Amino acid sequence: MANLLLAHGAGAGSDHEFMQSMAQLVASQGVNVILFDFPYMQTMQQTGKRRPPDKLDKLINSFCQQVTELDSALPLFIAGKSMGGRVATHIACLDRIATCVKGCVALGYPFHPPGKPEKLRLDHFPAIQIPLKIIQGERDTFGNQQEVATFPYAERFDIKWLVDGDHSFKPRKASGVTYQENLQCAANTLVEFIQLHV
């Protein structure tokens, strides 16, 4: 059906449980999922020492390189968890990416750092050139449902809200929804987006 290039978040690489689960759930519906690690994460894995992510411009260049090196006739979509989704939205602004990528998905978009809603990460959104889908937990501390409705460009957001989900989509027990159900809903939403734009 399509290729999905899926980037990890800031603190954990492509081998993290969330990334592996999401990749498997999406792949089971006919999408070829390609996971990769940013260079700083590769260094962390090799040395066993934690380090902060690279600067945004370096992450953008790294993601772009992954796109250009992918040799496939299948339609290409880009996605990322948290920081990876933020980087994906930045490369979605670039002409050279827009010509070869069909759409972008952010899983838990970090609208702002937790507790700092004034530090919005939205300035580049008007420049995004391809369809964008955001899949977000209702309780996400990086941007919850009540907050996001008040943000600039909110009317342009195409967001799927996951019931009572946190930044990793995990709901509280009292919600009556399980973590697995939210993961499956996220995967289904992602695949439906691909089917719509393929």
N, C-alpha and C. Protein backbone atom coordinates (compact mmCIF):
# COMPACT_ATOMS: atom_id res chain seq x y z
N MET A 1 0.82 -1.21 0.00
CA MET A 1 0.00 0.00 0.00
C MET A 1 0.86 1.26 0.00
N ALA A 2 1.78 1.35 1.00
CA ALA A 2 2.61 2.55 1.15
C ALA A 2 3.77 2.27 2.10
N ASN A 3 4.77 3.12 2.06
CA ASN A 3 5.85 3.12 3.05
C ASN A 3 5.55 4.19 4.10
N LEU A 4 5.84 3.86 5.36
CA LEU A 4 5.73 4.82 6.45
C LEU A 4 7.07 4.91 7.15
N LEU A 5 7.70 6.07 7.07
CA LEU A 5 8.97 6.32 7.75
C LEU A 5 8.65 6.92 9.11
N LEU A 6 8.94 6.16 10.17
CA LEU A 6 8.48 6.50 11.52
C LEU A 6 9.65 6.82 12.44
N ALA A 7 9.66 8.06 12.97
CA ALA A 7 10.75 8.55 13.83
C ALA A 7 10.36 8.47 15.30
N HIS A 8 11.35 8.24 16.14
CA HIS A 8 11.14 8.09 17.58
C HIS A 8 11.09 9.44 18.31
N GLY A 9 10.76 9.38 19.60
CA GLY A 9 10.74 10.57 20.44
C GLY A 9 12.11 10.88 21.02
N ALA A 10 12.18 11.88 21.90
CA ALA A 10 13.47 12.38 22.37
C ALA A 10 14.23 11.39 23.26
N GLY A 11 13.52 10.69 24.14
CA GLY A 11 14.20 9.92 25.16
C GLY A 11 14.39 8.44 24.90
N ALA A 12 13.73 7.90 23.88
CA ALA A 12 13.82 6.47 23.60
C ALA A 12 13.83 6.24 22.10
N GLY A 13 14.58 5.23 21.66
CA GLY A 13 14.76 5.00 20.24
C GLY A 13 13.71 4.11 19.61
N SER A 14 14.02 3.62 18.43
CA SER A 14 13.07 2.83 17.66
C SER A 14 12.77 1.48 18.30
N ASP A 15 13.63 1.05 19.24
CA ASP A 15 13.40 -0.23 19.90
C ASP A 15 12.46 -0.11 21.10
N HIS A 16 11.99 1.09 21.40
CA HIS A 16 11.09 1.30 22.53
C HIS A 16 9.76 0.57 22.29
N GLU A 17 9.15 0.15 23.39
CA GLU A 17 7.90 -0.62 23.32
C GLU A 17 6.82 0.10 22.51
N PHE A 18 6.67 1.42 22.72
CA PHE A 18 5.65 2.16 21.99
C PHE A 18 5.90 2.09 20.49
N MET A 19 7.15 2.33 20.09
CA MET A 19 7.49 2.34 18.67
C MET A 19 7.27 0.97 18.04
N GLN A 20 7.70 -0.06 18.74
CA GLN A 20 7.54 -1.42 18.21
C GLN A 20 6.07 -1.82 18.11
N SER A 21 5.29 -1.47 19.13
CA SER A 21 3.86 -1.80 19.11
C SER A 21 3.15 -1.08 17.98
N MET A 22 3.43 0.22 17.84
CA MET A 22 2.77 1.00 16.80
C MET A 22 3.16 0.48 15.42
N ALA A 23 4.44 0.17 15.24
CA ALA A 23 4.90 -0.34 13.95
C ALA A 23 4.20 -1.65 13.59
N GLN A 24 4.06 -2.53 14.57
CA GLN A 24 3.42 -3.83 14.32
C GLN A 24 1.94 -3.66 14.00
N LEU A 25 1.26 -2.79 14.73
CA LEU A 25 -0.17 -2.59 14.51
C LEU A 25 -0.45 -1.98 13.14
N VAL A 26 0.41 -1.07 12.71
CA VAL A 26 0.24 -0.44 11.40
C VAL A 26 0.63 -1.41 10.28
N ALA A 27 1.73 -2.13 10.48
CA ALA A 27 2.20 -3.08 9.47
C ALA A 27 1.19 -4.20 9.24
N SER A 28 0.47 -4.57 10.29
CA SER A 28 -0.51 -5.65 10.16
C SER A 28 -1.67 -5.27 9.25
N GLN A 29 -1.77 -3.97 8.91
CA GLN A 29 -2.83 -3.50 8.03
C GLN A 29 -2.30 -3.17 6.62
N GLY A 30 -1.13 -3.68 6.30
CA GLY A 30 -0.64 -3.60 4.94
C GLY A 30 0.29 -2.45 4.62
N VAL A 31 0.75 -1.74 5.65
CA VAL A 31 1.68 -0.63 5.44
C VAL A 31 3.10 -1.10 5.76
N ASN A 32 4.05 -0.75 4.92
CA ASN A 32 5.45 -1.10 5.16
C ASN A 32 6.07 -0.03 6.07
N VAL A 33 6.30 -0.38 7.34
CA VAL A 33 6.80 0.58 8.33
C VAL A 33 8.33 0.50 8.41
N ILE A 34 8.97 1.65 8.28
CA ILE A 34 10.43 1.73 8.38
C ILE A 34 10.79 2.58 9.59
N LEU A 35 11.42 1.96 10.58
CA LEU A 35 11.87 2.67 11.77
C LEU A 35 13.34 3.06 11.60
N PHE A 36 13.71 4.17 12.22
CA PHE A 36 15.12 4.56 12.20
C PHE A 36 15.44 5.32 13.48
N ASP A 37 16.74 5.45 13.77
CA ASP A 37 17.19 6.20 14.94
C ASP A 37 17.99 7.42 14.49
N PHE A 38 17.72 8.56 15.11
CA PHE A 38 18.52 9.75 14.84
C PHE A 38 19.96 9.50 15.32
N PRO A 39 20.95 10.20 14.76
CA PRO A 39 22.35 9.95 15.12
C PRO A 39 22.65 10.01 16.61
N TYR A 40 22.06 10.97 17.35
CA TYR A 40 22.35 11.06 18.79
C TYR A 40 21.87 9.81 19.51
N MET A 41 20.75 9.23 19.05
CA MET A 41 20.23 8.01 19.67
C MET A 41 21.14 6.82 19.35
N GLN A 42 21.67 6.78 18.15
CA GLN A 42 22.63 5.72 17.79
C GLN A 42 23.85 5.80 18.70
N THR A 43 24.31 7.03 18.98
CA THR A 43 25.46 7.22 19.88
C THR A 43 25.12 6.74 21.29
N MET A 44 23.92 7.07 21.75
CA MET A 44 23.47 6.61 23.08
C MET A 44 23.48 5.09 23.17
N GLN A 45 22.99 4.46 22.12
CA GLN A 45 22.91 3.00 22.12
C GLN A 45 24.30 2.37 22.09
N GLN A 46 25.24 3.02 21.41
CA GLN A 46 26.60 2.48 21.30
C GLN A 46 27.40 2.68 22.59
N THR A 47 27.19 3.82 23.25
CA THR A 47 27.98 4.15 24.44
C THR A 47 27.30 3.79 25.75
N GLY A 48 25.98 3.63 25.70
CA GLY A 48 25.23 3.36 26.92
C GLY A 48 25.06 4.59 27.80
N LYS A 49 25.44 5.75 27.29
CA LYS A 49 25.34 7.00 28.05
C LYS A 49 24.24 7.88 27.47
N ARG A 50 23.40 8.40 28.36
CA ARG A 50 22.32 9.28 27.92
C ARG A 50 22.89 10.61 27.45
N ARG A 51 22.24 11.20 26.46
CA ARG A 51 22.63 12.52 25.97
C ARG A 51 21.39 13.19 25.39
N PRO A 52 21.38 14.52 25.37
CA PRO A 52 20.21 15.21 24.83
C PRO A 52 20.13 15.05 23.32
N PRO A 53 18.96 15.26 22.76
CA PRO A 53 18.83 15.20 21.30
C PRO A 53 19.69 16.27 20.62
N ASP A 54 20.00 16.03 19.36
CA ASP A 54 20.70 17.03 18.57
C ASP A 54 19.81 18.26 18.38
N LYS A 55 20.40 19.36 17.93
CA LYS A 55 19.62 20.56 17.61
C LYS A 55 18.63 20.25 16.50
N LEU A 56 17.57 21.05 16.45
CA LEU A 56 16.48 20.79 15.51
C LEU A 56 16.95 20.72 14.07
N ASP A 57 17.86 21.62 13.68
CA ASP A 57 18.29 21.62 12.28
C ASP A 57 19.02 20.33 11.91
N LYS A 58 19.76 19.77 12.84
CA LYS A 58 20.46 18.50 12.58
C LYS A 58 19.46 17.35 12.49
N LEU A 59 18.44 17.38 13.34
CA LEU A 59 17.39 16.36 13.29
C LEU A 59 16.63 16.44 11.96
N ILE A 60 16.36 17.66 11.52
CA ILE A 60 15.67 17.87 10.24
C ILE A 60 16.50 17.29 9.10
N ASN A 61 17.79 17.58 9.10
CA ASN A 61 18.67 17.07 8.04
C ASN A 61 18.73 15.54 8.05
N SER A 62 18.75 14.97 9.25
CA SER A 62 18.81 13.52 9.38
C SER A 62 17.54 12.87 8.84
N PHE A 63 16.38 13.45 9.17
CA PHE A 63 15.09 12.91 8.69
C PHE A 63 15.02 13.04 7.16
N CYS A 64 15.45 14.18 6.64
CA CYS A 64 15.46 14.39 5.19
C CYS A 64 16.33 13.34 4.50
N GLN A 65 17.46 13.02 5.11
CA GLN A 65 18.36 12.02 4.54
C GLN A 65 17.68 10.66 4.47
N GLN A 66 16.92 10.32 5.51
CA GLN A 66 16.18 9.05 5.51
C GLN A 66 15.19 9.01 4.35
N VAL A 67 14.53 10.14 4.10
CA VAL A 67 13.55 10.21 3.01
C VAL A 67 14.24 10.02 1.67
N THR A 68 15.32 10.73 1.45
CA THR A 68 15.97 10.71 0.14
C THR A 68 16.68 9.38 -0.13
N GLU A 69 17.09 8.68 0.92
CA GLU A 69 17.79 7.41 0.74
C GLU A 69 16.83 6.23 0.53
N LEU A 70 15.55 6.45 0.79
CA LEU A 70 14.58 5.36 0.64
C LEU A 70 14.27 5.16 -0.83
N ASP A 71 14.63 4.01 -1.34
CA ASP A 71 14.45 3.70 -2.76
C ASP A 71 13.29 2.73 -2.92
N SER A 72 12.12 3.26 -3.20
CA SER A 72 10.93 2.43 -3.32
C SER A 72 9.92 3.10 -4.23
N ALA A 73 9.17 2.29 -4.95
CA ALA A 73 8.13 2.82 -5.83
C ALA A 73 6.84 3.08 -5.07
N LEU A 74 6.75 2.60 -3.84
CA LEU A 74 5.53 2.79 -3.06
C LEU A 74 5.39 4.24 -2.61
N PRO A 75 4.15 4.73 -2.47
CA PRO A 75 3.94 6.08 -1.92
C PRO A 75 4.55 6.17 -0.52
N LEU A 76 5.07 7.34 -0.19
CA LEU A 76 5.77 7.53 1.08
C LEU A 76 5.03 8.49 2.00
N PHE A 77 4.91 8.09 3.27
CA PHE A 77 4.36 8.94 4.32
C PHE A 77 5.41 9.04 5.42
N ILE A 78 5.40 10.17 6.14
CA ILE A 78 6.33 10.36 7.25
C ILE A 78 5.54 10.53 8.54
N ALA A 79 6.12 10.07 9.65
CA ALA A 79 5.45 10.18 10.94
C ALA A 79 6.49 10.17 12.04
N GLY A 80 6.06 10.56 13.23
CA GLY A 80 6.97 10.52 14.36
C GLY A 80 6.23 10.63 15.67
N LYS A 81 6.87 10.09 16.71
CA LYS A 81 6.34 10.18 18.07
C LYS A 81 6.94 11.40 18.74
N SER A 82 6.11 12.29 19.26
CA SER A 82 6.56 13.45 20.02
C SER A 82 7.60 14.25 19.25
N MET A 83 8.85 14.27 19.70
CA MET A 83 9.89 15.02 19.00
C MET A 83 10.00 14.59 17.54
N GLY A 84 9.91 13.29 17.29
CA GLY A 84 9.98 12.80 15.92
C GLY A 84 8.87 13.35 15.06
N GLY A 85 7.67 13.52 15.66
CA GLY A 85 6.56 14.13 14.94
C GLY A 85 6.80 15.61 14.68
N ARG A 86 7.43 16.26 15.64
CA ARG A 86 7.76 17.68 15.45
C ARG A 86 8.73 17.85 14.28
N VAL A 87 9.75 17.00 14.23
CA VAL A 87 10.71 17.07 13.13
C VAL A 87 10.02 16.77 11.80
N ALA A 88 9.12 15.79 11.81
CA ALA A 88 8.38 15.44 10.59
C ALA A 88 7.59 16.63 10.06
N THR A 89 6.97 17.39 10.97
CA THR A 89 6.19 18.56 10.51
C THR A 89 7.10 19.63 9.93
N HIS A 90 8.33 19.71 10.43
CA HIS A 90 9.27 20.69 9.87
C HIS A 90 9.71 20.30 8.47
N ILE A 91 10.01 19.03 8.25
CA ILE A 91 10.45 18.65 6.90
C ILE A 91 9.28 18.67 5.93
N ALA A 92 8.05 18.61 6.47
CA ALA A 92 6.86 18.71 5.61
C ALA A 92 6.69 20.11 5.03
N CYS A 93 7.50 21.06 5.50
CA CYS A 93 7.47 22.43 4.97
C CYS A 93 8.40 22.59 3.76
N LEU A 94 9.24 21.60 3.51
CA LEU A 94 10.29 21.74 2.49
C LEU A 94 9.80 21.29 1.12
N ASP A 95 10.13 22.06 0.10
CA ASP A 95 9.71 21.74 -1.27
C ASP A 95 10.17 20.36 -1.69
N ARG A 96 11.43 20.03 -1.39
CA ARG A 96 11.99 18.77 -1.86
C ARG A 96 11.34 17.56 -1.19
N ILE A 97 10.76 17.78 0.00
CA ILE A 97 10.06 16.70 0.69
C ILE A 97 8.62 16.61 0.18
N ALA A 98 8.00 17.76 -0.01
CA ALA A 98 6.60 17.79 -0.45
C ALA A 98 6.40 17.11 -1.80
N THR A 99 7.43 17.10 -2.62
CA THR A 99 7.31 16.48 -3.95
C THR A 99 7.33 14.96 -3.90
N CYS A 100 7.83 14.39 -2.80
CA CYS A 100 7.95 12.92 -2.75
C CYS A 100 7.24 12.28 -1.56
N VAL A 101 6.61 13.08 -0.71
CA VAL A 101 5.91 12.55 0.47
C VAL A 101 4.43 12.91 0.38
N LYS A 102 3.57 11.93 0.65
CA LYS A 102 2.13 12.11 0.48
C LYS A 102 1.44 12.73 1.70
N GLY A 103 2.01 12.51 2.89
CA GLY A 103 1.37 13.02 4.09
C GLY A 103 2.24 12.83 5.32
N CYS A 104 1.85 13.49 6.40
CA CYS A 104 2.63 13.52 7.65
C CYS A 104 1.70 13.23 8.83
N VAL A 105 2.17 12.42 9.77
CA VAL A 105 1.39 12.10 10.97
C VAL A 105 2.25 12.35 12.21
N ALA A 106 1.69 13.08 13.17
CA ALA A 106 2.36 13.33 14.44
C ALA A 106 1.64 12.55 15.54
N LEU A 107 2.36 11.67 16.20
CA LEU A 107 1.82 10.88 17.30
C LEU A 107 2.21 11.55 18.61
N GLY A 108 1.26 12.24 19.24
CA GLY A 108 1.57 12.99 20.45
C GLY A 108 2.42 14.20 20.13
N TYR A 109 1.85 15.15 19.38
CA TYR A 109 2.64 16.32 18.98
C TYR A 109 2.99 17.17 20.21
N PRO A 110 4.26 17.55 20.38
CA PRO A 110 4.64 18.38 21.53
C PRO A 110 4.36 19.86 21.25
N PHE A 111 3.10 20.24 21.41
CA PHE A 111 2.71 21.63 21.14
C PHE A 111 3.52 22.61 21.98
N HIS A 112 3.87 22.20 23.19
CA HIS A 112 4.69 23.03 24.09
C HIS A 112 5.34 22.12 25.13
N PRO A 113 6.42 22.56 25.79
CA PRO A 113 6.97 21.77 26.89
C PRO A 113 5.94 21.68 28.02
N PRO A 114 5.90 20.57 28.76
CA PRO A 114 4.94 20.45 29.86
C PRO A 114 5.05 21.61 30.84
N GLY A 115 3.92 22.20 31.18
CA GLY A 115 3.89 23.30 32.12
C GLY A 115 4.28 24.64 31.55
N LYS A 116 4.57 24.70 30.25
CA LYS A 116 4.98 25.96 29.61
C LYS A 116 4.15 26.21 28.34
N PRO A 117 2.85 26.41 28.52
CA PRO A 117 1.97 26.57 27.35
C PRO A 117 2.26 27.81 26.53
N GLU A 118 3.05 28.74 27.09
CA GLU A 118 3.38 29.96 26.34
C GLU A 118 4.46 29.69 25.28
N LYS A 119 5.16 28.58 25.42
CA LYS A 119 6.25 28.25 24.47
C LYS A 119 5.73 27.32 23.37
N LEU A 120 4.88 27.88 22.52
CA LEU A 120 4.25 27.07 21.48
C LEU A 120 5.22 26.76 20.34
N ARG A 121 5.06 25.57 19.79
CA ARG A 121 5.89 25.12 18.66
C ARG A 121 5.01 24.99 17.41
N LEU A 122 4.49 26.14 16.99
CA LEU A 122 3.53 26.14 15.89
C LEU A 122 3.87 27.12 14.77
N ASP A 123 4.93 27.89 14.93
CA ASP A 123 5.22 28.96 13.97
C ASP A 123 5.35 28.46 12.53
N HIS A 124 5.82 27.22 12.38
CA HIS A 124 6.05 26.69 11.03
C HIS A 124 4.81 26.05 10.41
N PHE A 125 3.74 25.90 11.18
CA PHE A 125 2.58 25.17 10.68
C PHE A 125 1.98 25.74 9.39
N PRO A 126 1.90 27.07 9.22
CA PRO A 126 1.34 27.58 7.96
C PRO A 126 2.15 27.18 6.73
N ALA A 127 3.41 26.81 6.92
CA ALA A 127 4.28 26.47 5.79
C ALA A 127 4.23 24.99 5.42
N ILE A 128 3.50 24.18 6.20
CA ILE A 128 3.40 22.75 5.89
C ILE A 128 2.70 22.56 4.55
N GLN A 129 3.32 21.77 3.68
CA GLN A 129 2.85 21.65 2.30
C GLN A 129 2.08 20.37 1.99
N ILE A 130 2.02 19.45 2.93
CA ILE A 130 1.35 18.17 2.69
C ILE A 130 0.31 17.94 3.78
N PRO A 131 -0.66 17.04 3.54
CA PRO A 131 -1.67 16.76 4.56
C PRO A 131 -1.04 16.33 5.88
N LEU A 132 -1.58 16.83 6.98
CA LEU A 132 -1.07 16.53 8.32
C LEU A 132 -2.18 15.99 9.20
N LYS A 133 -1.91 14.88 9.88
CA LYS A 133 -2.82 14.31 10.87
C LYS A 133 -2.10 14.27 12.21
N ILE A 134 -2.76 14.74 13.25
CA ILE A 134 -2.21 14.67 14.60
C ILE A 134 -3.05 13.69 15.41
N ILE A 135 -2.40 12.76 16.08
CA ILE A 135 -3.08 11.80 16.95
C ILE A 135 -2.59 12.08 18.37
N GLN A 136 -3.51 12.47 19.24
CA GLN A 136 -3.13 13.06 20.53
C GLN A 136 -3.99 12.50 21.66
N GLY A 137 -3.36 12.25 22.81
CA GLY A 137 -4.12 11.87 24.00
C GLY A 137 -4.86 13.08 24.57
N GLU A 138 -6.06 12.87 25.04
CA GLU A 138 -6.87 13.98 25.57
C GLU A 138 -6.20 14.68 26.75
N ARG A 139 -5.35 13.95 27.51
CA ARG A 139 -4.70 14.50 28.71
C ARG A 139 -3.24 14.83 28.48
N ASP A 140 -2.79 14.85 27.26
CA ASP A 140 -1.36 15.04 26.96
C ASP A 140 -0.84 16.34 27.58
N THR A 141 0.21 16.23 28.41
CA THR A 141 0.77 17.42 29.07
C THR A 141 1.54 18.31 28.10
N PHE A 142 1.78 17.83 26.89
CA PHE A 142 2.42 18.64 25.85
C PHE A 142 1.37 19.36 24.99
N GLY A 143 0.11 19.25 25.38
CA GLY A 143 -0.99 19.87 24.65
C GLY A 143 -2.24 19.03 24.78
N ASN A 144 -3.13 19.39 25.73
CA ASN A 144 -4.34 18.59 25.93
C ASN A 144 -5.50 19.16 25.10
N GLN A 145 -6.62 18.47 25.16
CA GLN A 145 -7.74 18.80 24.28
C GLN A 145 -8.27 20.21 24.52
N GLN A 146 -8.37 20.61 25.79
CA GLN A 146 -8.89 21.94 26.11
C GLN A 146 -7.94 23.03 25.63
N GLU A 147 -6.65 22.83 25.87
CA GLU A 147 -5.65 23.82 25.47
C GLU A 147 -5.60 24.01 23.96
N VAL A 148 -5.49 22.90 23.26
CA VAL A 148 -5.22 22.95 21.82
C VAL A 148 -6.31 23.70 21.07
N ALA A 149 -7.53 23.62 21.57
CA ALA A 149 -8.64 24.32 20.91
C ALA A 149 -8.44 25.83 20.90
N THR A 150 -7.58 26.34 21.79
CA THR A 150 -7.36 27.79 21.89
C THR A 150 -6.09 28.25 21.16
N PHE A 151 -5.33 27.31 20.60
CA PHE A 151 -4.04 27.65 19.99
C PHE A 151 -4.21 28.30 18.62
N PRO A 152 -3.21 29.07 18.18
CA PRO A 152 -3.23 29.60 16.81
C PRO A 152 -3.32 28.45 15.80
N TYR A 153 -4.03 28.68 14.73
CA TYR A 153 -4.21 27.70 13.64
C TYR A 153 -5.05 26.50 14.07
N ALA A 154 -5.69 26.56 15.26
CA ALA A 154 -6.43 25.41 15.77
C ALA A 154 -7.49 24.93 14.78
N GLU A 155 -8.08 25.87 14.05
CA GLU A 155 -9.14 25.49 13.11
C GLU A 155 -8.58 24.67 11.94
N ARG A 156 -7.27 24.69 11.76
CA ARG A 156 -6.65 23.94 10.67
C ARG A 156 -6.14 22.57 11.10
N PHE A 157 -6.14 22.32 12.41
CA PHE A 157 -5.64 21.04 12.90
C PHE A 157 -6.61 19.91 12.55
N ASP A 158 -6.08 18.81 12.07
CA ASP A 158 -6.86 17.59 11.87
C ASP A 158 -6.39 16.62 12.95
N ILE A 159 -7.13 16.60 14.07
CA ILE A 159 -6.68 15.84 15.24
C ILE A 159 -7.65 14.71 15.58
N LYS A 160 -7.09 13.55 15.85
CA LYS A 160 -7.83 12.44 16.43
C LYS A 160 -7.48 12.38 17.91
N TRP A 161 -8.48 12.60 18.76
CA TRP A 161 -8.24 12.58 20.20
C TRP A 161 -8.47 11.18 20.75
N LEU A 162 -7.51 10.68 21.51
CA LEU A 162 -7.60 9.35 22.12
C LEU A 162 -8.11 9.48 23.54
N VAL A 163 -9.13 8.71 23.86
CA VAL A 163 -9.87 8.85 25.11
C VAL A 163 -8.94 8.77 26.33
N ASP A 164 -8.91 9.86 27.10
CA ASP A 164 -8.19 9.93 28.38
C ASP A 164 -6.70 9.60 28.25
N GLY A 165 -6.16 9.67 27.04
CA GLY A 165 -4.76 9.30 26.84
C GLY A 165 -3.79 10.35 27.33
N ASP A 166 -2.63 9.90 27.83
CA ASP A 166 -1.55 10.81 28.19
C ASP A 166 -0.62 10.97 26.98
N HIS A 167 0.61 11.41 27.18
CA HIS A 167 1.51 11.65 26.05
C HIS A 167 1.88 10.36 25.32
N SER A 168 1.77 9.23 26.03
CA SER A 168 2.02 7.92 25.41
C SER A 168 0.72 7.21 25.06
N PHE A 169 -0.40 7.94 25.16
CA PHE A 169 -1.74 7.44 24.84
C PHE A 169 -2.33 6.55 25.93
N LYS A 170 -1.65 6.46 27.09
CA LYS A 170 -2.16 5.60 28.16
C LYS A 170 -3.31 6.28 28.90
N PRO A 171 -4.47 5.61 29.00
CA PRO A 171 -5.60 6.16 29.76
C PRO A 171 -5.55 5.69 31.22
N ARG A 172 -6.32 6.35 32.06
CA ARG A 172 -6.46 5.89 33.44
C ARG A 172 -7.47 4.75 33.48
N LYS A 173 -7.33 3.88 34.48
CA LYS A 173 -8.23 2.72 34.58
C LYS A 173 -9.69 3.14 34.65
N ALA A 174 -9.94 4.24 35.35
CA ALA A 174 -11.33 4.69 35.54
C ALA A 174 -11.99 5.12 34.23
N SER A 175 -11.19 5.32 33.20
CA SER A 175 -11.76 5.78 31.92
C SER A 175 -12.58 4.70 31.23
N GLY A 176 -12.30 3.44 31.57
CA GLY A 176 -12.99 2.34 30.91
C GLY A 176 -12.37 1.96 29.57
N VAL A 177 -11.30 2.64 29.20
CA VAL A 177 -10.58 2.35 27.96
C VAL A 177 -9.21 1.78 28.31
N THR A 178 -8.75 0.80 27.54
CA THR A 178 -7.44 0.22 27.81
C THR A 178 -6.37 0.88 26.95
N TYR A 179 -5.13 0.73 27.38
CA TYR A 179 -3.99 1.25 26.61
C TYR A 179 -3.96 0.61 25.22
N GLN A 180 -4.20 -0.70 25.19
CA GLN A 180 -4.17 -1.41 23.91
C GLN A 180 -5.24 -0.88 22.96
N GLU A 181 -6.40 -0.54 23.50
CA GLU A 181 -7.47 0.01 22.66
C GLU A 181 -7.06 1.36 22.07
N ASN A 182 -6.40 2.19 22.87
CA ASN A 182 -5.94 3.48 22.36
C ASN A 182 -4.85 3.31 21.31
N LEU A 183 -3.93 2.37 21.53
CA LEU A 183 -2.89 2.10 20.53
C LEU A 183 -3.51 1.63 19.23
N GLN A 184 -4.49 0.73 19.34
CA GLN A 184 -5.15 0.22 18.13
C GLN A 184 -5.90 1.33 17.41
N CYS A 185 -6.55 2.20 18.17
CA CYS A 185 -7.26 3.34 17.58
C CYS A 185 -6.29 4.26 16.85
N ALA A 186 -5.14 4.50 17.47
CA ALA A 186 -4.12 5.34 16.84
C ALA A 186 -3.62 4.72 15.54
N ALA A 187 -3.35 3.42 15.58
CA ALA A 187 -2.87 2.72 14.38
C ALA A 187 -3.93 2.75 13.28
N ASN A 188 -5.18 2.50 13.65
CA ASN A 188 -6.26 2.52 12.67
C ASN A 188 -6.40 3.90 12.03
N THR A 189 -6.30 4.94 12.86
CA THR A 189 -6.40 6.31 12.37
C THR A 189 -5.27 6.62 11.39
N LEU A 190 -4.08 6.17 11.73
CA LEU A 190 -2.92 6.39 10.87
C LEU A 190 -3.11 5.71 9.52
N VAL A 191 -3.56 4.46 9.55
CA VAL A 191 -3.76 3.71 8.31
C VAL A 191 -4.87 4.33 7.47
N GLU A 192 -5.94 4.77 8.12
CA GLU A 192 -7.04 5.43 7.39
C GLU A 192 -6.55 6.70 6.71
N PHE A 193 -5.68 7.44 7.38
CA PHE A 193 -5.09 8.65 6.79
C PHE A 193 -4.27 8.30 5.55
N ILE A 194 -3.49 7.24 5.65
CA ILE A 194 -2.69 6.80 4.50
C ILE A 194 -3.60 6.38 3.35
N GLN A 195 -4.64 5.62 3.66
CA GLN A 195 -5.57 5.18 2.62
C GLN A 195 -6.24 6.36 1.93
N LEU A 196 -6.50 7.40 2.68
CA LEU A 196 -7.17 8.58 2.14
C LEU A 196 -6.28 9.35 1.18
N HIS A 197 -4.98 9.36 1.45
CA HIS A 197 -4.07 10.21 0.69
C HIS A 197 -3.11 9.46 -0.23
N VAL A 198 -3.22 8.15 -0.27
CA VAL A 198 -2.29 7.36 -1.06
C VAL A 198 -2.49 7.60 -2.55
